[in-house]
Structure formats: C-alpha cells, structure tokens
Protein backbone atom coordinates (compact mmCIF):
# COMPACT_ATOMS: atom_id res chain seq x y z
CA MET A 1 12.84 -3.86 11.63
CA PHE A 2 11.93 -7.53 11.24
CA VAL A 3 8.89 -7.29 13.52
CA PHE A 4 7.72 -4.15 11.70
CA ALA A 5 8.21 -5.88 8.35
CA VAL A 6 6.06 -8.86 9.41
CA ALA A 7 3.37 -6.44 10.64
CA LEU A 8 3.34 -4.76 7.24
CA THR A 9 3.23 -8.19 5.60
CA LEU A 10 0.01 -8.96 7.47
CA ASN A 11 -1.22 -5.43 6.72
CA PHE A 12 -0.96 -5.82 2.96
CA LEU A 13 -1.89 -9.49 2.96
CA ASP A 14 -5.23 -8.60 4.55
CA ARG A 15 -5.65 -5.51 2.39
CA GLN A 16 -4.80 -7.09 -0.98
CA LEU A 17 -6.59 -10.42 -0.54
CA LEU A 18 -9.87 -8.97 -1.78
CA THR A 19 -8.43 -8.28 -5.23
CA LEU A 20 -7.67 -11.96 -5.82
CA LEU A 21 -11.22 -12.92 -4.93
CA ALA A 22 -12.87 -10.49 -7.35
CA THR A 23 -14.51 -13.09 -9.61
CA PRO A 24 -16.27 -15.25 -6.96
CA ILE A 25 -17.26 -12.22 -4.84
CA LYS A 26 -18.70 -10.36 -7.84
CA ARG A 27 -20.58 -13.48 -8.88
CA ASP A 28 -22.01 -14.33 -5.45
CA LEU A 29 -22.88 -10.75 -4.45
CA GLY A 30 -23.94 -9.59 -7.94
CA LEU A 31 -21.47 -6.69 -8.22
CA SER A 32 -20.20 -4.62 -11.16
CA ASP A 33 -16.53 -3.67 -11.62
CA THR A 34 -17.28 -0.20 -10.25
CA GLN A 35 -18.99 -1.55 -7.13
CA PHE A 36 -16.09 -3.91 -6.54
CA SER A 37 -13.58 -1.05 -6.94
CA VAL A 38 -15.50 0.87 -4.25
CA LEU A 39 -15.12 -2.10 -1.88
CA VAL A 40 -11.41 -2.37 -2.64
CA GLY A 41 -10.66 1.34 -2.41
CA PHE A 42 -13.10 3.90 -1.04
CA MET A 43 -14.67 1.72 1.64
CA PHE A 44 -11.19 0.90 2.89
CA VAL A 45 -9.88 4.48 2.94
CA LEU A 46 -13.09 6.15 4.18
CA PHE A 47 -12.58 5.34 7.84
CA TYR A 48 -8.81 5.17 7.36
CA LEU A 49 -9.03 8.91 6.76
CA GLY A 50 -11.58 9.53 9.50
CA VAL A 51 -9.56 7.98 12.32
CA GLY A 52 -6.03 8.33 10.93
CA ILE A 53 -5.48 11.94 12.03
CA PRO A 54 -6.75 11.51 15.64
CA ILE A 55 -4.63 8.38 16.00
CA SER A 56 -1.61 10.23 14.60
CA ARG A 57 -1.92 12.77 17.41
CA LEU A 58 -1.67 9.86 19.85
CA VAL A 59 1.39 8.64 17.96
CA ASP A 60 3.14 11.96 18.59
CA ARG A 61 2.27 11.79 22.29
CA GLY A 62 1.99 8.23 23.55
CA PRO A 63 3.58 4.74 23.38
CA ARG A 64 3.68 3.98 19.69
CA LYS A 65 4.17 0.22 19.90
CA TRP A 66 0.88 -0.21 21.79
CA ILE A 67 -0.92 1.77 19.10
CA ILE A 68 0.53 -0.52 16.42
CA GLY A 69 -0.37 -3.65 18.38
CA ALA A 70 -3.98 -2.57 18.87
CA GLY A 71 -4.26 -1.76 15.17
CA ILE A 72 -2.93 -5.16 14.08
CA PHE A 73 -5.39 -6.94 16.34
CA PHE A 74 -8.38 -4.98 15.05
CA TRP A 75 -7.66 -5.11 11.32
CA SER A 76 -6.95 -8.86 11.52
CA LEU A 77 -10.24 -9.44 13.30
CA MET A 78 -12.11 -7.39 10.67
CA THR A 79 -10.41 -9.33 7.85
CA ALA A 80 -11.89 -12.52 9.31
CA VAL A 81 -15.27 -10.75 9.56
CA CYS A 82 -15.10 -10.06 5.78
CA GLY A 83 -15.62 -13.81 5.38
CA LEU A 84 -18.99 -13.56 7.11
CA ALA A 85 -20.37 -11.00 4.64
CA GLY A 86 -23.46 -11.97 2.66
CA ASN A 87 -24.06 -8.77 0.69
CA PHE A 88 -22.38 -5.58 -0.51
CA TRP A 89 -23.00 -3.50 2.62
CA GLN A 90 -21.88 -6.17 5.06
CA LEU A 91 -18.60 -6.53 3.17
CA ALA A 92 -18.32 -2.73 2.93
CA LEU A 93 -18.61 -2.32 6.70
CA ALA A 94 -16.00 -5.03 7.29
CA ARG A 95 -13.64 -3.28 4.85
CA MET A 96 -14.13 -0.04 6.76
CA GLY A 97 -13.07 -1.89 9.90
CA VAL A 98 -9.91 -3.12 8.18
CA GLY A 99 -9.14 0.49 7.27
CA VAL A 100 -9.64 1.64 10.87
CA GLY A 101 -7.14 -0.91 12.16
CA GLU A 102 -4.54 -0.30 9.47
CA SER A 103 -4.62 3.49 10.04
CA CYS A 104 -2.69 2.83 13.29
CA ASN A 105 0.26 1.11 11.66
CA GLY A 106 2.03 3.40 9.19
CA PRO A 107 2.43 6.65 11.18
CA ALA A 108 3.64 4.89 14.33
CA THR A 109 5.98 2.51 12.47
CA TYR A 110 7.73 5.21 10.44
CA SER A 111 7.92 7.57 13.42
CA MET A 112 9.62 4.91 15.56
CA THR A 113 11.99 3.95 12.74
CA ALA A 114 13.11 7.55 12.17
CA ASP A 115 13.96 7.79 15.90
CA MET A 116 15.85 4.47 15.84
CA MET A 117 18.04 5.03 12.78
CA PRO A 118 20.57 7.72 11.73
CA ARG A 119 19.63 9.67 8.62
CA ALA A 120 22.27 8.03 6.41
CA GLN A 121 20.74 4.59 7.11
CA LEU A 122 17.08 5.56 7.08
CA GLY A 123 16.47 4.71 3.42
CA ARG A 124 17.65 1.13 3.83
CA ALA A 125 15.83 0.72 7.14
CA ILE A 126 12.50 1.80 5.67
CA SER A 127 13.15 -0.30 2.57
CA ILE A 128 13.66 -3.34 4.83
CA ILE A 129 10.36 -2.57 6.56
CA ASN A 130 8.68 -2.08 3.20
CA ILE A 131 9.70 -5.60 2.23
CA GLY A 132 6.71 -6.42 4.41
CA ILE A 133 4.52 -4.67 1.84
CA VAL A 134 6.15 -6.79 -0.84
CA ALA A 135 5.70 -9.98 1.15
CA GLY A 136 2.09 -9.09 1.97
CA THR A 137 1.26 -8.31 -1.64
CA GLY A 138 3.02 -11.43 -2.88
CA LEU A 139 1.58 -13.72 -0.22
CA ALA A 140 -1.91 -12.33 -0.81
CA MET A 141 -1.58 -13.54 -4.38
CA LEU A 142 0.39 -16.71 -3.72
CA VAL A 143 -1.22 -18.03 -0.53
CA GLY A 144 -4.61 -16.57 -1.40
CA GLY A 145 -4.44 -18.10 -4.86
CA TRP A 146 -3.49 -21.50 -3.49
CA LEU A 147 -6.20 -21.29 -0.82
CA ILE A 148 -8.97 -20.31 -3.21
CA VAL A 149 -8.02 -23.08 -5.66
CA TRP A 150 -7.86 -25.67 -2.86
CA LEU A 151 -11.00 -24.46 -1.10
CA THR A 152 -12.88 -24.37 -4.41
CA ARG A 153 -12.14 -28.07 -4.77
CA VAL A 154 -13.34 -28.65 -1.21
CA GLY A 155 -16.52 -26.68 -1.86
CA VAL A 156 -18.87 -25.23 0.73
CA VAL A 157 -17.69 -25.89 4.31
CA ASP A 158 -20.04 -26.16 7.29
CA VAL A 159 -18.29 -24.25 10.11
CA PRO A 160 -19.61 -24.65 13.68
CA LEU A 161 -21.54 -21.55 14.86
CA LEU A 162 -21.00 -19.84 11.49
CA GLY A 163 -22.88 -22.19 9.18
CA ALA A 164 -22.16 -22.90 5.51
CA MET A 165 -19.24 -20.86 4.13
CA LYS A 166 -18.15 -20.56 0.51
CA PRO A 167 -14.48 -20.88 -0.52
CA TRP A 168 -13.84 -17.11 -0.72
CA GLN A 169 -15.40 -16.63 2.72
CA MET A 170 -13.19 -19.34 4.24
CA THR A 171 -10.14 -17.66 2.67
CA PHE A 172 -10.81 -14.45 4.60
CA LEU A 173 -11.36 -16.37 7.81
CA VAL A 174 -8.10 -18.33 7.56
CA VAL A 175 -5.94 -15.36 6.50
CA GLY A 176 -7.25 -12.98 9.18
CA LEU A 177 -6.30 -15.06 12.23
CA PRO A 178 -2.42 -14.89 12.28
CA GLY A 179 -2.41 -11.12 12.78
CA ILE A 180 -4.16 -11.47 16.13
CA ILE A 181 -1.16 -13.48 17.37
CA TRP A 182 1.43 -11.11 15.88
CA ALA A 183 -0.09 -8.14 17.69
CA GLY A 184 1.04 -9.71 20.96
CA VAL A 185 4.49 -10.55 19.58
CA LEU A 186 5.09 -6.92 18.55
CA VAL A 187 4.03 -5.47 21.91
CA ALA A 188 6.22 -7.98 23.78
CA THR A 189 9.42 -7.62 21.72
CA VAL A 190 9.72 -4.11 20.24
CA PRO A 191 11.24 -1.40 22.49
CA GLU A 192 9.86 2.14 22.47
CA PRO A 193 12.75 4.37 21.25
CA PRO A 194 13.42 7.79 22.81
CA ARG A 195 12.17 10.66 20.69
CA THR A 196 14.65 13.00 19.01
CA GLY A 197 14.35 16.77 18.67
CA ARG A 198 11.99 18.97 20.70
CA THR A 199 10.22 17.39 23.65
CA GLU A 200 6.89 19.22 23.52
CA VAL A 201 4.25 18.02 21.06
CA PRO A 202 3.28 20.66 18.46
CA SER A 203 -0.40 21.42 18.08
CA PHE A 204 -2.22 20.34 14.95
CA ALA A 205 -2.26 23.99 13.88
CA GLU A 206 1.55 24.12 14.22
CA VAL A 207 1.87 21.02 12.05
CA LEU A 208 -0.34 22.56 9.36
CA ALA A 209 1.65 25.81 9.59
CA TYR A 210 4.89 23.88 9.07
CA LEU A 211 3.45 22.07 6.05
CA TYR A 212 2.19 25.37 4.63
CA ARG A 213 5.58 26.99 5.13
CA TRP A 214 7.25 24.21 3.16
CA ARG A 215 4.37 23.64 0.75
CA ALA A 216 6.66 24.03 -2.25
CA ALA A 217 8.34 20.78 -1.17
CA PHE A 218 5.47 18.83 0.38
CA LEU A 219 2.79 19.52 -2.25
CA PRO A 220 4.52 18.22 -5.41
CA MET A 221 6.11 15.40 -3.40
CA VAL A 222 2.78 14.15 -2.07
CA ILE A 223 1.03 14.60 -5.44
CA ALA A 224 3.82 12.68 -7.18
CA VAL A 225 3.61 9.76 -4.76
CA GLY A 226 -0.21 9.86 -4.85
CA VAL A 227 -0.36 9.71 -8.64
CA LYS A 228 2.24 6.93 -8.70
CA SER A 229 0.18 5.00 -6.15
CA MET A 230 -2.93 5.43 -8.35
CA LEU A 231 -1.07 3.71 -11.15
CA SER A 232 0.41 1.00 -8.89
CA PHE A 233 -2.83 0.13 -7.10
CA GLY A 234 -4.91 0.40 -10.26
CA THR A 235 -2.61 -2.13 -11.90
CA THR A 236 -2.20 -4.58 -9.00
CA VAL A 237 -5.88 -4.61 -8.02
CA TRP A 238 -7.03 -5.51 -11.53
CA ALA A 239 -4.06 -7.71 -12.54
CA PRO A 240 -5.72 -11.01 -11.46
CA SER A 241 -8.91 -10.11 -13.35
CA PHE A 242 -6.80 -9.09 -16.36
CA PHE A 243 -5.27 -12.56 -16.67
CA GLU A 244 -8.66 -14.21 -16.12
CA ARG A 245 -10.43 -12.13 -18.78
CA ARG A 246 -7.60 -11.72 -21.30
CA PHE A 247 -6.14 -15.23 -21.21
CA GLY A 248 -8.96 -17.31 -19.68
CA TRP A 249 -7.18 -18.27 -16.46
CA ALA A 250 -9.37 -19.78 -13.72
CA PRO A 251 -10.12 -17.73 -10.56
CA GLY A 252 -7.24 -18.02 -8.09
CA THR A 253 -4.78 -19.25 -10.72
CA PRO A 254 -3.24 -15.82 -11.50
CA GLY A 255 -2.43 -15.39 -7.83
CA ILE A 256 0.28 -18.05 -7.87
CA SER A 257 2.17 -16.48 -10.80
CA LEU A 258 1.62 -12.93 -9.58
CA GLY A 259 2.63 -13.82 -6.03
CA LEU A 260 5.89 -15.47 -7.12
CA LEU A 261 6.63 -12.52 -9.42
CA ALA A 262 6.08 -10.00 -6.62
CA LEU A 263 8.19 -11.97 -4.13
CA VAL A 264 11.12 -12.02 -6.58
CA VAL A 265 11.20 -8.52 -8.12
CA LEU A 266 9.87 -6.30 -5.34
CA PRO A 267 12.53 -7.06 -2.67
CA LEU A 268 15.24 -6.42 -5.27
CA GLY A 269 13.68 -3.06 -6.15
CA LEU A 270 13.31 -2.06 -2.50
CA TRP A 271 16.90 -2.98 -1.74
CA LEU A 272 18.19 -1.04 -4.76
CA GLY A 273 16.10 2.03 -3.91
CA GLY A 274 17.25 2.10 -0.29
CA TRP A 275 20.90 1.58 -1.30
CA LEU A 276 20.74 4.33 -3.94
CA GLY A 277 19.07 6.79 -1.57
CA ASP A 278 21.54 6.22 1.26
CA ARG A 279 24.49 6.38 -1.16
CA LEU A 280 23.32 9.77 -2.45
CA VAL A 281 22.88 11.01 1.14
CA LYS A 282 26.47 10.03 1.97
CA ALA A 283 27.58 11.81 -1.21
CA GLY A 284 26.05 15.01 0.16
CA ARG A 285 22.96 15.22 -2.08
CA ASP A 286 20.21 17.07 -0.22
CA ASP A 287 17.59 15.82 -2.72
CA ALA A 288 18.81 12.21 -2.43
CA TYR A 289 15.61 10.31 -1.62
CA MET A 290 13.39 12.39 -3.89
CA ARG A 291 15.82 11.94 -6.78
CA VAL A 292 15.50 8.16 -6.49
CA VAL A 293 11.70 8.57 -6.63
CA LEU A 294 12.16 10.51 -9.89
CA TRP A 295 14.38 7.80 -11.37
CA ALA A 296 11.85 5.14 -10.39
CA SER A 297 9.04 7.10 -12.07
CA CYS A 298 11.01 7.15 -15.32
CA GLY A 299 11.38 3.37 -15.22
CA VAL A 300 7.75 2.56 -14.45
CA LEU A 301 6.21 4.40 -17.40
CA PRO A 302 7.04 2.16 -20.42
CA PHE A 303 6.48 -1.12 -18.57
CA ALA A 304 3.09 -0.05 -17.17
CA ILE A 305 1.79 0.97 -20.60
CA LEU A 306 3.05 -2.17 -22.36
CA PHE A 307 1.91 -4.71 -19.74
CA PRO A 308 -1.81 -4.90 -20.69
CA LEU A 309 -1.04 -4.79 -24.44
CA MET A 310 1.06 -7.96 -24.56
CA PRO A 311 -0.28 -10.85 -26.68
CA THR A 312 0.86 -13.70 -24.38
CA PRO A 313 0.74 -14.31 -20.61
CA GLY A 314 4.53 -14.66 -20.44
CA LEU A 315 5.17 -11.28 -22.03
CA ALA A 316 2.48 -9.67 -19.89
CA LEU A 317 4.09 -11.07 -16.73
CA ALA A 318 7.51 -9.82 -17.89
CA MET A 319 6.23 -6.27 -18.45
CA LEU A 320 4.33 -6.33 -15.15
CA GLY A 321 7.50 -7.50 -13.40
CA GLY A 322 9.44 -4.57 -14.85
CA SER A 323 6.76 -2.14 -13.70
CA LEU A 324 6.65 -3.60 -10.19
CA PHE A 325 10.43 -3.57 -9.90
CA CYS A 326 10.77 0.09 -10.90
CA ALA A 327 7.86 1.13 -8.68
CA SER A 328 9.44 -0.63 -5.68
CA VAL A 329 12.74 1.21 -6.21
CA GLY A 330 10.95 4.40 -5.17
CA GLY A 331 9.00 2.89 -2.27
CA GLY A 332 11.54 3.16 0.55
CA PRO A 333 12.98 6.54 -0.54
CA ALA A 334 9.49 8.06 -0.81
CA ASN A 335 8.74 7.23 2.82
CA ALA A 336 12.25 8.22 3.93
CA ALA A 337 11.85 11.57 2.16
CA ILE A 338 8.81 12.45 4.29
CA GLN A 339 10.62 11.55 7.52
CA VAL A 340 13.74 13.53 6.60
CA VAL A 341 11.90 16.84 6.10
CA THR A 342 9.64 16.44 9.17
CA PRO A 343 10.61 17.20 12.80
CA SER A 344 10.36 14.17 15.13
CA ARG A 345 7.35 15.33 17.15
CA MET A 346 5.40 16.01 13.95
CA ARG A 347 6.19 12.73 12.18
CA GLY A 348 3.13 10.83 13.38
CA THR A 349 0.73 13.53 12.20
CA VAL A 350 2.55 14.29 8.95
CA SER A 351 2.89 10.58 8.16
CA ALA A 352 -0.84 10.11 8.78
CA LEU A 353 -1.67 12.98 6.43
CA TYR A 354 0.73 11.59 3.84
CA ILE A 355 -0.63 8.05 4.13
CA ALA A 356 -4.20 9.39 4.01
CA VAL A 357 -3.51 11.14 0.72
CA PHE A 358 -1.59 8.10 -0.53
CA ASN A 359 -4.54 5.82 0.20
CA LEU A 360 -7.30 8.20 -0.89
CA ILE A 361 -5.66 9.02 -4.22
CA GLY A 362 -3.95 5.69 -4.79
CA TYR A 363 -6.09 3.00 -3.25
CA GLY A 364 -9.35 4.90 -3.65
CA LEU A 365 -9.07 6.47 -7.10
CA GLY A 366 -6.64 4.07 -8.81
CA PRO A 367 -8.85 0.94 -8.99
CA TRP A 368 -11.96 3.14 -9.45
CA MET A 369 -10.44 4.92 -12.48
CA VAL A 370 -9.74 1.62 -14.22
CA ALA A 371 -13.24 0.35 -13.40
CA ARG A 372 -14.94 3.53 -14.66
CA LEU A 373 -13.12 3.25 -17.99
CA THR A 374 -14.23 -0.38 -18.28
CA ASP A 375 -17.84 0.14 -17.16
CA GLY A 376 -18.38 3.71 -18.37
CA LEU A 377 -16.29 4.32 -21.49
CA PHE A 378 -16.13 0.80 -22.96
CA GLN A 379 -19.14 -0.79 -21.17
CA ASP A 380 -17.47 -4.14 -21.70
CA GLU A 381 -15.52 -6.14 -19.08
CA SER A 382 -13.37 -7.67 -21.81
CA ARG A 383 -11.88 -4.21 -22.51
CA LEU A 384 -10.06 -4.18 -19.16
CA PRO A 385 -6.63 -4.30 -20.94
CA ALA A 386 -7.41 -1.04 -22.74
CA SER A 387 -8.51 0.58 -19.46
CA LEU A 388 -5.21 -0.40 -17.81
CA ALA A 389 -3.15 0.94 -20.73
CA ILE A 390 -5.00 4.28 -20.80
CA THR A 391 -4.61 4.68 -17.05
CA ALA A 392 -0.84 4.13 -17.31
CA ALA A 393 -0.50 6.51 -20.27
CA VAL A 394 -2.26 9.29 -18.33
CA LEU A 395 -0.89 8.81 -14.80
CA GLY A 396 2.70 7.85 -15.62
CA PRO A 397 3.73 11.22 -17.12
CA LEU A 398 1.92 13.10 -14.33
CA GLY A 399 3.87 11.25 -11.65
CA LEU A 400 7.10 11.97 -13.51
CA LEU A 401 6.28 15.68 -13.79
CA PHE A 402 5.51 16.22 -10.10
CA SER A 403 8.56 14.19 -9.02
CA ALA A 404 10.74 16.56 -11.04
CA LEU A 405 8.98 19.63 -9.63
CA ALA A 406 9.64 18.44 -6.06
CA LEU A 407 13.43 18.09 -6.35
CA ARG A 408 14.68 21.62 -5.67
CA PRO A 409 12.22 22.63 -2.91
CA TYR A 410 12.67 19.23 -1.25
CA ALA A 411 16.44 19.78 -1.07
CA ALA A 412 15.87 23.13 0.66
CA ALA A 413 13.44 21.58 3.16
CA ALA A 414 15.90 18.76 3.90
CA ARG A 415 18.69 21.23 4.66
CA HIS A 416 16.38 23.13 7.01
CA ALA A 417 15.14 20.00 8.82
CA GLU A 418 18.68 18.74 9.42
CA GLY A 419 19.24 21.57 11.88
CA LEU A 420 16.06 20.93 13.92
C-alpha cells in the first residue's frame, strides 16, 4: 500500500504541477485561459484514453507490477520533457506523453489491491493508496510553489546540453526525475498477488456485456463521479490563478498555502471516508461505499459555491479546505465501489474505462468549463471567481442527483458480485 501510495504521489505531482505554473507559461508561450485548459486537460486525457483500454487488457492478463513500473518511468520522463517545451504544441505533445504513462497506473494498482485485501478492508486500503493523490496534489503546490519562487530569484539557468532554461522549465525538469527511480523500487519490492475468481480472462465483449447488464448501477455511478471530478478538477486547476488574480498574490506563492491546506485536510477526509465505508460494509449495508459518496457530495456543494465569493484570502482558503475535505471523503469509497461490483478478471478493463471517463469528464471538461466561462461569457480574466462559483452551482447538484440515483441499483450489483 505504501509503495502504491508513493507511486500515486508522483503521478499527481507530475500531473498537477502545470496548474501552479499557469501564469509564467501563459506569459512565455502567449496562451489564453482556454488554451491553457486544453493543455491541462484534453491533451493529457487524449492519449490516456487511446492507450488506456489496450493496457487494461494487459492488466487482466499479465504481471501488473511491471505494467505499473513501466508507466511510472515513462510519465516521469515526459514530465521532465515538458520543461524543454518552447511553444504550445511542444508542451501539448509532452503532456500527451504524461497521459500515456499514467494510463498504466490506476487499473493495475486497483486490480492488485482488490486481490490483496478482503472486501471489508478494501475501502481503507484504497483510501490509504489515495493518500498518494493527496500528497501529490499537495506537494505539487507546496514543492512546486517553493521551487518556482526560488528559481524565479535565480533566474534563467544555463544547463549543459539543454541551453538556457527559464524557472518554470527547470521546475518540470527537477520534479520529473524522482519517478524514474521509484519505478525500479516498485518492481523490486511489490509482490504480484494471485488473482481471485475465475481464471480465464473475459473478452472485451464480455466485459461490455457485463457493464450493459448492470448499467442501472454503473451508469449513474460513473456519471456521479465524473461530474464530481469536473467540479474538483475545475476548482483545483484554477485555484492558484484565483488567488493571483483576486488577491494579487505573486506566481508560485499560492502553492505554499494550497499545498499545506491539501496535506492537512485531504488525508483526514480520505481516512474518514474509508472508515465510514468499511463500517457500513460490516453493518451489512450493500450500498455502503456508494452511500458515502452521496454523503460526500452533500458536503461539497455549499463550500464549493462559497469559496470563490469570499472577500478575504483567509475565508477563501477556509471554504476551499471544506470543499477539499468533503470531496476526499468520497475518494476511496468511489474507487472501492467500482472494485466491489466488478469480477476480478474484469477489474483492469473496467477500472480503465472508469478512469477514462473520470479523466475525460473531470480533467478534460472541468478546467475547460471554467475557462470558457471566463473567456467566452465574461471575456475578462478578472471574472474567474464568478466562473468558479457558477461551475459549482451547476455541477454540485448534478453530482448529488446521480449519486442518489445509483444507490439502489448499486446495492443489487454488489449482492450479485459477492457470489462471483
């Protein structure tokens, strides 16, 4: 669990770092908010989707830890390559490469975890792993913020063989290198668990047939998590720019406050969500994990709407902390819910489909929606707070609705899967 958590830390550190560097990248490459949102979201998920499904078929057949190790190595290398970009398309291609590498991680990690842990402990186990997401998000802000402030003071650095590199380029280069080492650590230390359930690997058509059979459970569940991820990613991607534009903070400065906030509230939320989910399972609730997702959705809504409307940085950070905490409560149970209703030999493929939707809807559309409101509706970068508030007011109730719709059919699917 620890090794998986560190891998996810590096995953989200490399993924989220771009958001902290929005101001210098936009300035140096001459980008609009919408173009930047495409780099953050769609360019990342485009190849994530393209290679995620084929890789997931390997996950259901082959040695999963080697797939994870190869993915860590490649996405870390491509993160460093982001620092060599000199225009929009060079950075876009590097972001695609990051997406390719990261598409290996989620399906294999969750599939291995579900085979390692009994059902009544799965929520906590996945929540522990998801602390890596928290750490990655927080460290992207904290370490990235510190690096960009320090490197800005240093100025342009002349790197042998690479030439003159600006502070934001050096940040990518420094942050991308540790993952290459961790890829070897994971392959050397993590055992490959025996698979549970049927031994033969279902065809892709069989997986789709299973999803269609239980569509009443899977469809609202995936839509609920996708909409919630739109709100979460839309908020976190633009949070540094919000504090810079609304309160005049210097580039990199918001990262330190946001990183510390994330590192405090998100682990608490993940622990609480995993504990609640496992407690409900032991109490005999078939809808246990999905019910925690519903409770978390209720908590996110008021905080997410109020955050960008606050008149002071302190109040804004407090509201953002409440939103992040409630969102993290549902993080572990949402992933556990997918594993519970999916047979072992289908988990790699189903997880890949789930993560693909999660990333396409959440990471692709979430930041883009906020940017389109700012560039299209308001045509004024200073109106970013209004864009964030509108996004929360629209997406929050939708996530709540689909979480509620998923409860009953999810319970039926969980009862069925328990006998497989």
